[in-house]
Every structure is written in C-alpha cells, then in structure tokens.
Amino acid sequence: MLSYNTSVAVNGQRPSSSGTMSSGRQSIPPSPGGARFPSPLSNGIMANGATPSNGSPATQQHIWLVTGPAGCGKSTVAKHIADVLRVPFIEGDEYHTKSNIDKMSAGIPLTDADRWDWLTALREASIRELDRGNDGVVLTCSALKRKYRDVIRVAPYFTPNLHLHFIYLDAPEEVLLARVSARKNHYMSANMVHSQFDILERPNADEVDVITVDVTRSPEAVMADALDRVLTTMDDIRLSSQ
C-alpha cells in the first residue's frame, strides 16, 4: 500500500521576445528576485506549434506540477501520474541548495529570495526533459504562493503546444501536521508545516491552470482522482487541437 510518507501570462505580462536560442527553444528570462490510459503520442515536437508537413497536428506537451504544503503527498501522487503517463518524474526537493536544506533542517522557513533559484531550476529542468523528446514531465514543488507558481508559468511562453498544469493537493493544516510528524529521517520537520501554512496562498478561481484535489482521503482514492483529472484534461486539449 502506498503511503503519503513516501501560454499563461504572468500577472498579465509577457517577457521580452529577445534572447538566445538554446536546445531548440528560445531561452527564458530569469524570474524576479479503472483507470483510463492515454493514447501514445508522437515525439515529433515542433516548438512553434505548427502542423507537421504530413498533416498531423503538432504534438501536445504537458508539464504537470504537483503542489501543496509538506505532507500532502506530492511525491506519491506525482510518481503515480508519471508512471501511468510514462513520462519523467522530477522530485523538487532534490533541487534545493544545501543552504536551503540546512535552513529547513534547522526549522528556519525559507524566504522568497531562497526560493527564486530553486523555482527557476525546476522550470529549466522540466524544459530540458521536453527538449529530449518527452511528451510530458511531472514534478513536485510546494509552490505555496501565486508568485512562485508564476515563475513556472513562464515555461510555455515560446512554445504554443506546451501546456502547464498545477495539481494542488489540499488538506487542513492539522491533517498534514500529523502526517509530517510520522515521517522518519526527513529534513522537513513538523513545525515547518505551520510556517508553510502561514504563507500559503491557495489557488484562486482565476488560476484556470490549477486542478485542486482533496487529499484528506486514502492515498488510493487521491491517486485515482488526480489521474482521472489529468487524463480528462489531456483528452480535452487533444480534442480542441484537432
């Protein structure tokens, strides 16, 4: 049994179109300080979203960012989705700097300044996986504030056929506190859960790229619900692109 212990404009603005080309994709400016199975997709990626010469539609790529405070089950849900979709999985915690991990291990909340480079690194890691020919990538990141989510929202600017989705795992603070308290050998201590809720900005209704999933249920129910929402979203996008 699995356990929980286991192109959108940013604020209505688009970045400058200037920049160099890297890995076949225009460089992105740094950020400010039963289950249904999808049909196999082609890896013939066209960065400009054009229809290939054979008349088939351009490949639709997806970034699935599983978000929420500590203890919500990000890794469990993200790994399940990545396994079913057969796409790469990126564990966001592995991209924290040593200084960030040291702070969190000592019970010191991260500041906005601590998070910018981390968020940018996750965005760029996702794009690298897509540039390798993958149709999608699933990653974890707490993305507690809207401006943190906006850092990742820059990713689709220069790729019309790239779709960014957030999967927000929602639960009351006391539920997540109990889960984190039960963890062993993890740098995120239980007292950090409260600090995360202190700064948490739950997605607003106008953040239309967010799927919210109630994670007070069993891991199996949560994974099934999240996967169904993902597959439905992919079906809708595929049909609208035909």
Protein backbone atom coordinates (compact mmCIF):
# COMPACT_ATOMS: atom_id res chain seq x y z
CA MET A 1 0.00 0.00 0.00
CA LEU A 2 1.34 3.37 -0.97
CA SER A 3 1.82 5.92 1.77
CA TYR A 4 1.87 9.68 1.95
CA ASN A 5 5.23 9.32 3.56
CA THR A 6 6.71 8.07 0.57
CA SER A 7 0.83 30.02 -22.65
CA VAL A 8 -0.30 31.82 -19.47
CA ALA A 9 0.78 35.39 -18.86
CA VAL A 10 2.40 36.22 -15.54
CA ASN A 11 0.35 39.00 -13.97
CA GLY A 12 -0.90 39.90 -17.42
CA GLN A 13 2.59 40.50 -18.83
CA ARG A 14 4.76 38.62 -21.28
CA PRO A 15 8.55 38.61 -21.22
CA SER A 16 10.58 40.26 -23.95
CA SER A 17 10.99 38.15 -27.07
CA SER A 18 14.71 38.92 -27.13
CA GLY A 19 17.11 36.19 -26.14
CA THR A 20 19.31 33.46 -27.49
CA MET A 21 18.29 30.06 -28.72
CA SER A 22 19.18 27.00 -26.66
CA SER A 23 18.28 23.35 -27.17
CA GLY A 24 15.88 24.29 -29.95
CA ARG A 25 13.82 26.51 -27.69
CA GLN A 26 14.10 30.26 -27.06
CA SER A 27 15.81 30.99 -23.76
CA ILE A 28 13.52 32.05 -20.95
CA PRO A 29 14.39 35.12 -18.90
CA PRO A 30 15.13 34.53 -15.22
CA SER A 31 12.33 35.11 -12.75
CA PRO A 32 12.21 38.17 -10.47
CA GLY A 33 14.03 38.06 -7.08
CA GLY A 34 -10.40 1.57 -13.50
CA ALA A 35 -8.08 3.89 -14.92
CA ARG A 36 -8.04 5.17 -18.45
CA PHE A 37 -4.74 5.27 -20.28
CA PRO A 38 -3.82 7.94 -22.80
CA SER A 39 -3.15 7.07 -26.41
CA PRO A 40 0.56 7.03 -27.34
CA LEU A 41 1.75 10.39 -28.57
CA SER A 42 4.34 11.11 -31.24
CA ASN A 43 7.68 12.59 -30.24
CA GLY A 44 7.80 14.79 -33.36
CA ILE A 45 7.93 18.01 -31.36
CA MET A 46 7.53 21.32 -33.18
CA ALA A 47 8.42 24.26 -30.94
CA ASN A 48 6.32 26.75 -32.90
CA GLY A 49 3.17 24.65 -32.59
CA ALA A 50 2.81 24.36 -36.38
CA THR A 51 1.23 21.37 -38.10
CA PRO A 52 3.87 18.96 -39.46
CA SER A 53 4.19 18.52 -43.22
CA ASN A 54 2.40 15.15 -43.05
CA GLY A 55 -0.77 16.98 -41.99
CA SER A 56 -0.95 15.57 -38.45
CA PRO A 57 -1.39 18.04 -35.59
CA ALA A 58 1.64 19.17 -33.61
CA THR A 59 2.47 17.12 -30.54
CA GLN A 60 0.91 18.48 -27.38
CA GLN A 61 3.37 18.60 -24.48
CA HIS A 62 2.44 18.85 -20.82
CA ILE A 63 4.13 19.96 -17.60
CA TRP A 64 2.28 18.63 -14.54
CA LEU A 65 3.35 20.43 -11.38
CA VAL A 66 2.07 18.70 -8.23
CA THR A 67 1.91 21.29 -5.46
CA GLY A 68 0.92 21.80 -1.83
CA PRO A 69 2.40 22.07 1.65
CA ALA A 70 4.58 19.43 3.30
CA GLY A 71 2.78 16.18 4.00
CA CYS A 72 0.14 16.50 1.28
CA GLY A 73 1.52 13.55 -0.71
CA LYS A 74 3.17 15.36 -3.63
CA SER A 75 5.75 12.66 -4.36
CA THR A 76 3.25 9.79 -4.08
CA VAL A 77 0.76 11.41 -6.46
CA ALA A 78 3.39 12.72 -8.90
CA LYS A 79 5.17 9.38 -9.20
CA HIS A 80 1.87 7.63 -9.88
CA ILE A 81 0.94 10.06 -12.65
CA ALA A 82 4.41 9.88 -14.20
CA ASP A 83 4.36 6.07 -14.16
CA VAL A 84 0.96 5.87 -15.85
CA LEU A 85 1.83 8.50 -18.47
CA ARG A 86 5.31 7.00 -18.91
CA VAL A 87 7.00 10.39 -18.64
CA PRO A 88 9.92 11.62 -16.48
CA PHE A 89 9.40 12.46 -12.82
CA ILE A 90 11.33 15.29 -11.13
CA GLU A 91 11.50 15.42 -7.33
CA GLY A 92 11.57 19.11 -6.50
CA ASP A 93 13.24 18.61 -3.10
CA GLU A 94 16.35 17.33 -4.88
CA TYR A 95 16.86 20.74 -6.50
CA HIS A 96 17.11 22.68 -3.25
CA THR A 97 20.52 24.12 -2.49
CA LYS A 98 22.41 22.81 0.53
CA SER A 99 21.84 26.14 2.27
CA ASN A 100 18.08 25.77 1.78
CA ILE A 101 18.12 22.24 3.17
CA ASP A 102 20.24 23.33 6.12
CA LYS A 103 17.76 26.10 6.92
CA MET A 104 14.74 23.82 6.73
CA SER A 105 16.50 21.14 8.78
CA ALA A 106 17.08 23.76 11.46
CA GLY A 107 13.40 24.76 11.38
CA ILE A 108 14.08 28.08 9.64
CA PRO A 109 11.47 28.94 6.99
CA LEU A 110 12.75 29.77 3.52
CA THR A 111 12.38 33.32 2.24
CA ASP A 112 11.32 34.41 -1.23
CA ALA A 113 14.98 35.04 -2.05
CA ASP A 114 15.82 31.46 -1.05
CA ARG A 115 13.26 30.09 -3.47
CA TRP A 116 13.87 32.01 -6.71
CA ASP A 117 16.85 30.00 -7.94
CA TRP A 118 15.13 26.77 -6.88
CA LEU A 119 11.97 27.59 -8.83
CA THR A 120 13.95 28.61 -11.89
CA ALA A 121 16.00 25.40 -11.73
CA LEU A 122 12.81 23.32 -11.65
CA ARG A 123 11.37 25.19 -14.61
CA GLU A 124 14.53 24.70 -16.64
CA ALA A 125 14.78 21.01 -15.65
CA SER A 126 11.25 20.47 -16.93
CA ILE A 127 12.03 22.13 -20.24
CA ARG A 128 15.16 20.02 -20.66
CA GLU A 129 13.08 16.85 -20.33
CA LEU A 130 10.69 18.09 -23.00
CA ASP A 131 13.57 19.06 -25.28
CA ARG A 132 14.79 15.46 -25.04
CA GLY A 133 11.61 14.43 -26.85
CA ASN A 134 9.32 13.57 -23.97
CA ASP A 135 5.64 14.38 -24.37
CA GLY A 136 5.40 15.45 -20.74
CA VAL A 137 7.04 15.71 -17.36
CA VAL A 138 5.70 15.52 -13.81
CA LEU A 139 7.40 17.36 -10.97
CA THR A 140 6.82 18.25 -7.35
CA CYS A 141 7.11 21.71 -5.88
CA SER A 142 5.30 23.26 -2.93
CA ALA A 143 4.57 26.45 -4.95
CA LEU A 144 2.94 27.96 -1.89
CA LYS A 145 2.47 31.47 -3.26
CA ARG A 146 0.94 32.65 -6.51
CA LYS A 147 4.16 34.41 -7.48
CA TYR A 148 6.02 31.11 -7.09
CA ARG A 149 3.56 29.50 -9.49
CA ASP A 150 4.04 32.43 -11.83
CA VAL A 151 7.75 31.63 -12.08
CA ILE A 152 6.85 28.26 -13.60
CA ARG A 153 4.13 29.81 -15.76
CA VAL A 154 6.84 31.42 -17.88
CA ALA A 155 7.70 27.98 -19.34
CA PRO A 156 5.10 27.86 -22.19
CA TYR A 157 5.72 31.41 -23.48
CA PHE A 158 7.67 30.38 -26.57
CA THR A 159 6.01 27.00 -27.18
CA PRO A 160 2.32 27.26 -28.11
CA ASN A 161 1.82 23.48 -27.95
CA LEU A 162 3.18 23.27 -24.38
CA HIS A 163 0.53 23.15 -21.65
CA LEU A 164 1.29 23.83 -17.99
CA HIS A 165 -0.92 22.39 -15.27
CA PHE A 166 -0.82 22.63 -11.48
CA ILE A 167 -2.28 19.86 -9.34
CA TYR A 168 -2.88 21.40 -5.92
CA LEU A 169 -3.22 18.83 -3.12
CA ASP A 170 -5.47 20.38 -0.50
CA ALA A 171 -5.91 19.42 3.17
CA PRO A 172 -6.28 21.17 6.53
CA GLU A 173 -3.14 22.04 8.45
CA GLU A 174 -3.83 19.55 11.26
CA VAL A 175 -4.04 16.65 8.80
CA LEU A 176 -0.69 17.46 7.21
CA LEU A 177 0.91 18.14 10.58
CA ALA A 178 0.03 14.61 11.71
CA ARG A 179 1.49 13.12 8.54
CA VAL A 180 4.76 15.02 8.74
CA SER A 181 5.09 14.17 12.44
CA ALA A 182 5.05 10.49 11.47
CA ARG A 183 7.91 10.83 8.98
CA LYS A 184 11.32 9.41 9.74
CA ASN A 185 14.68 10.79 8.55
CA HIS A 186 13.26 13.72 6.59
CA TYR A 187 14.65 17.22 6.81
CA MET A 188 11.20 18.82 6.83
CA SER A 189 10.19 18.91 10.49
CA ALA A 190 6.61 19.08 11.73
CA ASN A 191 6.98 22.67 12.92
CA MET A 192 7.72 23.69 9.31
CA VAL A 193 4.17 22.77 8.32
CA HIS A 194 2.79 25.71 10.29
CA SER A 195 5.28 28.10 8.68
CA GLN A 196 4.18 26.89 5.25
CA PHE A 197 0.53 27.48 6.06
CA ASP A 198 1.45 30.96 7.29
CA ILE A 199 2.48 31.92 3.76
CA LEU A 200 0.20 29.59 1.80
CA GLU A 201 -1.86 31.23 -0.93
CA ARG A 202 -4.38 28.66 -2.11
CA PRO A 203 -5.02 28.96 -5.86
CA ASN A 204 -7.73 31.46 -6.77
CA ALA A 205 -10.56 30.78 -9.19
CA ASP A 206 -8.83 32.84 -11.89
CA GLU A 207 -5.86 30.44 -11.88
CA VAL A 208 -7.54 28.31 -14.52
CA ASP A 209 -4.50 26.06 -14.97
CA VAL A 210 -4.96 24.57 -11.47
CA ILE A 211 -6.62 21.26 -10.62
CA THR A 212 -7.48 21.02 -6.90
CA VAL A 213 -7.61 17.57 -5.30
CA ASP A 214 -8.84 16.83 -1.77
CA VAL A 215 -6.15 14.73 -0.07
CA THR A 216 -7.94 14.00 3.19
CA ARG A 217 -8.94 10.68 1.61
CA SER A 218 -6.91 7.49 1.27
CA PRO A 219 -3.81 7.56 -0.95
CA GLU A 220 -5.52 5.21 -3.41
CA ALA A 221 -8.57 7.48 -3.74
CA VAL A 222 -6.40 10.57 -4.15
CA MET A 223 -4.19 8.99 -6.80
CA ALA A 224 -7.20 7.73 -8.75
CA ASP A 225 -8.90 11.14 -8.64
CA ALA A 226 -5.75 13.05 -9.63
CA LEU A 227 -5.01 10.67 -12.51
CA ASP A 228 -8.59 10.86 -13.81
CA ARG A 229 -8.43 14.67 -13.76
CA VAL A 230 -5.11 14.57 -15.65
CA LEU A 231 -6.41 12.22 -18.34
CA THR A 232 -9.61 14.24 -18.76
CA THR A 233 -7.57 17.42 -19.17
CA MET A 234 -5.36 15.76 -21.79
CA ASP A 235 -8.42 14.49 -23.67
CA ASP A 236 -9.96 17.98 -23.70
CA ILE A 237 -6.76 19.55 -25.05
CA ARG A 238 -6.30 16.84 -27.66
CA LEU A 239 -9.86 17.27 -28.93
CA SER A 240 -9.62 21.06 -29.02
CA SER A 241 -6.41 20.90 -31.06
CA GLN A 242 -7.87 18.71 -33.80
